N, C-alpha and C. Protein backbone atom coordinates (compact mmCIF):
# COMPACT_ATOMS: atom_id res chain seq x y z
N MET A 1 10.35 12.92 32.34
CA MET A 1 9.36 12.87 31.29
C MET A 1 9.98 12.26 30.03
N SER A 2 9.26 11.36 29.39
CA SER A 2 9.74 10.72 28.17
C SER A 2 9.30 11.52 26.95
N THR A 3 10.12 11.48 25.94
CA THR A 3 9.83 12.17 24.70
C THR A 3 9.22 11.20 23.70
N ILE A 4 8.19 11.63 23.03
CA ILE A 4 7.58 10.79 22.00
C ILE A 4 8.42 10.91 20.74
N GLN A 5 8.83 9.76 20.23
CA GLN A 5 9.60 9.67 19.00
C GLN A 5 8.72 9.01 17.94
N LYS A 6 9.23 8.93 16.73
CA LYS A 6 8.56 8.20 15.66
C LYS A 6 9.38 6.95 15.35
N PHE A 7 8.73 5.98 14.70
CA PHE A 7 9.44 4.78 14.29
C PHE A 7 8.82 4.22 13.01
N VAL A 8 9.63 3.41 12.32
CA VAL A 8 9.14 2.55 11.25
C VAL A 8 9.76 1.18 11.48
N ARG A 9 9.00 0.14 11.12
CA ARG A 9 9.54 -1.23 11.18
C ARG A 9 9.63 -1.74 9.75
N LEU A 10 10.80 -2.26 9.40
CA LEU A 10 11.08 -2.72 8.04
C LEU A 10 10.74 -4.19 7.88
N PRO A 11 10.70 -4.68 6.65
CA PRO A 11 10.35 -6.09 6.41
C PRO A 11 11.24 -7.10 7.14
N ASN A 12 12.48 -6.72 7.44
CA ASN A 12 13.38 -7.62 8.17
C ASN A 12 13.22 -7.47 9.69
N ASN A 13 12.19 -6.73 10.11
CA ASN A 13 11.85 -6.45 11.51
C ASN A 13 12.80 -5.49 12.21
N GLU A 14 13.69 -4.86 11.46
CA GLU A 14 14.53 -3.80 12.02
C GLU A 14 13.63 -2.60 12.31
N VAL A 15 13.81 -2.01 13.48
CA VAL A 15 13.03 -0.83 13.86
C VAL A 15 13.95 0.38 13.83
N ILE A 16 13.51 1.41 13.13
CA ILE A 16 14.25 2.68 13.09
C ILE A 16 13.46 3.69 13.89
N ILE A 17 14.10 4.24 14.91
CA ILE A 17 13.48 5.26 15.77
C ILE A 17 14.11 6.60 15.42
N PHE A 18 13.28 7.62 15.28
CA PHE A 18 13.79 8.92 14.86
C PHE A 18 12.95 10.05 15.46
N SER A 19 13.46 11.25 15.31
CA SER A 19 12.83 12.45 15.87
C SER A 19 11.41 12.64 15.34
N ASN A 20 10.55 13.17 16.21
CA ASN A 20 9.18 13.44 15.78
C ASN A 20 9.10 14.66 14.86
N LYS A 21 10.22 15.31 14.61
CA LYS A 21 10.25 16.43 13.67
C LYS A 21 10.42 15.96 12.22
N ILE A 22 10.76 14.68 12.03
CA ILE A 22 10.94 14.11 10.70
C ILE A 22 9.66 13.38 10.30
N GLU A 23 9.26 13.52 9.06
CA GLU A 23 8.07 12.83 8.56
C GLU A 23 8.36 11.35 8.34
N HIS A 24 7.39 10.51 8.65
CA HIS A 24 7.51 9.08 8.36
C HIS A 24 7.81 8.86 6.87
N LEU A 25 7.26 9.71 6.03
CA LEU A 25 7.39 9.58 4.58
C LEU A 25 8.85 9.55 4.13
N ALA A 26 9.76 10.12 4.91
CA ALA A 26 11.18 10.12 4.57
C ALA A 26 11.74 8.70 4.47
N PHE A 27 11.04 7.73 5.05
CA PHE A 27 11.51 6.35 5.07
C PHE A 27 10.73 5.45 4.10
N SER A 28 9.93 6.05 3.23
CA SER A 28 9.06 5.27 2.35
C SER A 28 9.83 4.35 1.41
N LYS A 29 11.01 4.74 0.97
CA LYS A 29 11.79 3.92 0.04
C LYS A 29 12.35 2.65 0.71
N LEU A 30 12.28 2.59 2.04
CA LEU A 30 12.72 1.39 2.77
C LEU A 30 11.60 0.37 2.89
N ASN A 31 10.42 0.69 2.36
CA ASN A 31 9.25 -0.19 2.36
C ASN A 31 8.84 -0.66 3.76
N PRO A 32 8.60 0.28 4.67
CA PRO A 32 8.20 -0.12 6.02
C PRO A 32 6.89 -0.90 6.01
N ILE A 33 6.76 -1.78 7.02
CA ILE A 33 5.54 -2.59 7.13
C ILE A 33 4.65 -2.11 8.27
N SER A 34 5.20 -1.27 9.15
CA SER A 34 4.39 -0.62 10.18
C SER A 34 5.11 0.67 10.58
N ALA A 35 4.34 1.58 11.16
CA ALA A 35 4.90 2.87 11.53
C ALA A 35 4.00 3.53 12.57
N GLY A 36 4.60 4.39 13.35
CA GLY A 36 3.83 5.10 14.37
C GLY A 36 4.75 5.89 15.28
N PHE A 37 4.40 5.88 16.54
CA PHE A 37 5.13 6.64 17.55
C PHE A 37 5.63 5.69 18.63
N CYS A 38 6.61 6.15 19.39
CA CYS A 38 7.12 5.31 20.48
C CYS A 38 7.67 6.17 21.60
N VAL A 39 7.70 5.57 22.76
CA VAL A 39 8.29 6.18 23.95
C VAL A 39 9.27 5.17 24.52
N ILE A 40 10.50 5.60 24.75
CA ILE A 40 11.52 4.73 25.33
C ILE A 40 11.48 4.92 26.84
N ASP A 41 11.14 3.86 27.55
CA ASP A 41 11.04 3.87 29.01
C ASP A 41 12.31 3.24 29.58
N ILE A 42 13.24 4.09 29.98
CA ILE A 42 14.54 3.63 30.49
C ILE A 42 14.36 2.81 31.77
N ASP A 43 13.48 3.24 32.66
CA ASP A 43 13.30 2.55 33.95
C ASP A 43 12.79 1.12 33.76
N ASP A 44 11.82 0.94 32.87
CA ASP A 44 11.25 -0.40 32.63
C ASP A 44 11.97 -1.16 31.52
N LYS A 45 12.95 -0.50 30.90
CA LYS A 45 13.69 -1.10 29.78
C LYS A 45 12.72 -1.64 28.73
N ARG A 46 11.91 -0.72 28.23
CA ARG A 46 10.86 -1.08 27.27
C ARG A 46 10.65 0.08 26.30
N VAL A 47 10.41 -0.24 25.05
CA VAL A 47 10.04 0.76 24.04
C VAL A 47 8.57 0.51 23.71
N ASN A 48 7.72 1.44 24.06
CA ASN A 48 6.28 1.31 23.82
C ASN A 48 5.92 1.95 22.49
N CYS A 49 5.43 1.15 21.56
CA CYS A 49 5.05 1.61 20.23
C CYS A 49 3.53 1.68 20.10
N PHE A 50 3.06 2.69 19.37
CA PHE A 50 1.62 2.90 19.26
C PHE A 50 1.32 3.83 18.09
N GLY A 51 0.05 3.98 17.78
CA GLY A 51 -0.41 4.98 16.82
C GLY A 51 -0.30 4.56 15.37
N GLU A 52 -0.17 5.55 14.51
CA GLU A 52 -0.14 5.30 13.08
C GLU A 52 0.57 6.44 12.36
N SER A 53 0.96 6.18 11.14
CA SER A 53 1.54 7.19 10.26
C SER A 53 0.52 7.53 9.20
N HIS A 54 0.11 8.79 9.17
CA HIS A 54 -0.83 9.22 8.13
C HIS A 54 -0.14 9.33 6.79
N THR A 55 1.13 9.77 6.77
CA THR A 55 1.82 9.96 5.50
C THR A 55 2.15 8.64 4.81
N LEU A 56 2.38 7.57 5.59
CA LEU A 56 2.64 6.25 5.01
C LEU A 56 1.39 5.39 4.95
N GLN A 57 0.34 5.83 5.63
CA GLN A 57 -0.89 5.07 5.75
C GLN A 57 -0.64 3.68 6.32
N LEU A 58 0.15 3.66 7.41
CA LEU A 58 0.47 2.42 8.13
C LEU A 58 0.15 2.60 9.60
N GLU A 59 -0.28 1.53 10.23
CA GLU A 59 -0.53 1.54 11.66
C GLU A 59 0.58 0.80 12.38
N ALA A 60 0.76 1.14 13.64
CA ALA A 60 1.67 0.39 14.50
C ALA A 60 0.98 -0.91 14.90
N ASP A 61 1.73 -1.97 14.94
CA ASP A 61 1.27 -3.22 15.55
C ASP A 61 1.85 -3.18 16.95
N GLU A 62 1.08 -2.68 17.90
CA GLU A 62 1.61 -2.35 19.23
C GLU A 62 2.38 -3.49 19.86
N TYR A 63 1.87 -4.69 19.79
CA TYR A 63 2.51 -5.83 20.44
C TYR A 63 3.82 -6.20 19.74
N VAL A 64 3.77 -6.40 18.43
CA VAL A 64 4.93 -6.84 17.65
C VAL A 64 5.99 -5.74 17.59
N ASP A 65 5.58 -4.50 17.31
CA ASP A 65 6.55 -3.40 17.22
C ASP A 65 7.22 -3.13 18.55
N THR A 66 6.44 -3.16 19.63
CA THR A 66 7.02 -2.97 20.96
C THR A 66 8.04 -4.06 21.27
N ASP A 67 7.72 -5.29 20.92
CA ASP A 67 8.64 -6.40 21.17
C ASP A 67 9.94 -6.24 20.40
N HIS A 68 9.84 -5.96 19.10
CA HIS A 68 11.06 -5.81 18.28
C HIS A 68 11.87 -4.59 18.70
N ALA A 69 11.23 -3.48 18.95
CA ALA A 69 11.96 -2.27 19.35
C ALA A 69 12.64 -2.46 20.70
N THR A 70 11.94 -3.08 21.64
CA THR A 70 12.53 -3.31 22.97
C THR A 70 13.73 -4.23 22.85
N SER A 71 13.61 -5.27 22.07
CA SER A 71 14.71 -6.21 21.87
C SER A 71 15.91 -5.52 21.23
N GLN A 72 15.64 -4.68 20.25
CA GLN A 72 16.71 -3.99 19.55
C GLN A 72 17.43 -2.98 20.45
N ILE A 73 16.68 -2.24 21.25
CA ILE A 73 17.28 -1.20 22.09
C ILE A 73 17.87 -1.75 23.38
N PHE A 74 17.17 -2.67 24.03
CA PHE A 74 17.59 -3.14 25.35
C PHE A 74 18.13 -4.57 25.35
N GLY A 75 18.02 -5.27 24.23
CA GLY A 75 18.56 -6.62 24.15
C GLY A 75 17.70 -7.68 24.81
N SER A 76 16.45 -7.32 25.13
CA SER A 76 15.53 -8.29 25.73
C SER A 76 14.13 -8.05 25.18
N SER A 77 13.33 -9.09 25.18
CA SER A 77 11.97 -8.99 24.71
C SER A 77 11.13 -8.17 25.68
N SER A 78 10.12 -7.48 25.17
CA SER A 78 9.21 -6.74 26.04
C SER A 78 8.42 -7.69 26.93
N ARG A 79 8.32 -8.96 26.51
CA ARG A 79 7.59 -9.98 27.29
C ARG A 79 8.39 -10.40 28.51
N GLU A 80 9.70 -10.16 28.51
CA GLU A 80 10.54 -10.54 29.64
C GLU A 80 10.45 -9.53 30.77
N ASN A 81 9.94 -8.32 30.47
CA ASN A 81 9.91 -7.25 31.47
C ASN A 81 8.57 -7.20 32.18
């Protein structure tokens, strides 16, 4: 079973993944451009991003965030999988 984590994506497209026990708002000073939740799928080598952050009032861009997070964690684009 995969654990749902939270994430924020910064203006430089860096994705920070963190525990779902931490509020997205803790990252507000980094000026995130999207935020939501994610699941790291080890078998498919993919990070699936979705949802939204109510505290930051930002939505996940599922396609773009998934691509950047997958590339950052697994070294390959989500489109390659």
